[in-house]
Protein backbone atom coordinates (compact mmCIF):
# COMPACT_ATOMS: atom_id res chain seq x y z
CA UNK A 1 6.67 -27.52 -16.80
CA UNK A 2 3.85 -26.35 -14.71
CA UNK A 3 3.40 -26.94 -11.08
CA UNK A 4 0.20 -27.34 -9.37
CA UNK A 5 -0.38 -24.09 -7.40
CA UNK A 6 -3.01 -22.29 -5.58
CA UNK A 7 -2.24 -19.08 -7.33
CA UNK A 8 -4.85 -17.95 -9.84
CA UNK A 9 -4.43 -15.95 -12.96
CA UNK A 10 -5.86 -12.20 -12.92
CA UNK A 11 -6.27 -12.66 -9.08
CA UNK A 12 -4.73 -9.91 -6.53
CA UNK A 13 -2.12 -11.05 -3.99
CA UNK A 14 -0.28 -9.02 -1.27
CA UNK A 15 3.69 -9.87 -2.22
CA UNK A 16 5.30 -10.06 0.75
CA UNK A 17 8.63 -9.42 -1.18
CA UNK A 18 7.35 -5.86 -2.20
CA UNK A 19 4.85 -5.18 0.64
CA UNK A 20 2.45 -4.41 -2.12
CA UNK A 21 -0.71 -5.76 -3.68
CA UNK A 22 0.16 -7.47 -7.20
CA UNK A 23 -1.92 -9.19 -9.77
CA UNK A 24 -0.91 -12.60 -11.07
CA UNK A 25 -0.29 -12.77 -14.58
CA UNK A 26 1.14 -16.33 -15.55
CA UNK A 27 3.32 -18.93 -14.23
CA UNK A 28 6.62 -18.42 -16.32
CA UNK A 29 8.88 -20.95 -14.59
CA UNK A 30 9.97 -23.58 -11.78
CA UNK A 31 12.77 -23.00 -9.82
CA UNK A 32 13.82 -25.91 -7.28
CA UNK A 33 10.08 -27.04 -7.23
CA UNK A 34 8.79 -23.59 -6.72
CA UNK A 35 6.44 -21.94 -9.15
CA UNK A 36 7.65 -18.45 -10.30
CA UNK A 37 4.89 -15.96 -11.27
CA UNK A 38 5.11 -12.86 -13.56
CA UNK A 39 3.16 -10.25 -11.60
CA UNK A 40 2.09 -6.76 -12.26
CA UNK A 41 2.50 -3.96 -9.81
CA UNK A 42 0.70 -0.60 -10.17
CA UNK A 43 3.07 2.49 -9.43
CA UNK A 44 0.73 5.25 -10.51
CA UNK A 45 -2.48 5.86 -12.35
CA UNK A 46 -0.76 4.68 -15.68
CA UNK A 47 2.37 3.26 -14.60
CA UNK A 48 2.79 -0.58 -14.16
CA UNK A 49 5.73 -2.73 -13.70
CA UNK A 50 6.04 -6.56 -14.27
CA UNK A 51 8.21 -8.59 -11.83
CA UNK A 52 8.95 -12.11 -11.36
CA UNK A 53 8.43 -13.62 -8.02
CA UNK A 54 8.34 -16.87 -6.12
CA UNK A 55 4.78 -18.33 -5.37
CA UNK A 56 5.96 -18.31 -1.85
CA UNK A 57 5.84 -14.68 -1.46
CA UNK A 58 2.19 -14.21 -2.66
CA UNK A 59 -0.54 -14.01 -0.04
CA UNK A 60 -4.21 -14.08 -0.61
CA UNK A 61 -5.55 -10.57 0.92
CA UNK A 62 -7.76 -11.15 3.96
CA UNK A 63 -11.41 -10.20 3.72
CA UNK A 64 -12.32 -7.49 6.42
CA UNK A 65 -15.29 -8.56 8.35
CA UNK A 66 -16.17 -4.98 9.12
CA UNK A 67 -16.70 -4.20 5.34
CA UNK A 68 -19.32 -6.78 4.66
CA UNK A 69 -22.23 -5.29 6.63
């Protein structure tokens, strides 16, 4: 069962649980009405780790206005 979510596949998010930027892979489950997402975290140049986290822990990164000029 899928839940309507604001998370997009392939987009990068800040994971508050890990304190790191992750890439959303796909929604894998629903637990107590919350979507659970498989995300991929880059540890090194070639090392990647996949985890399952709640949609609640994913925050879209903020665009810095200073970098837009």
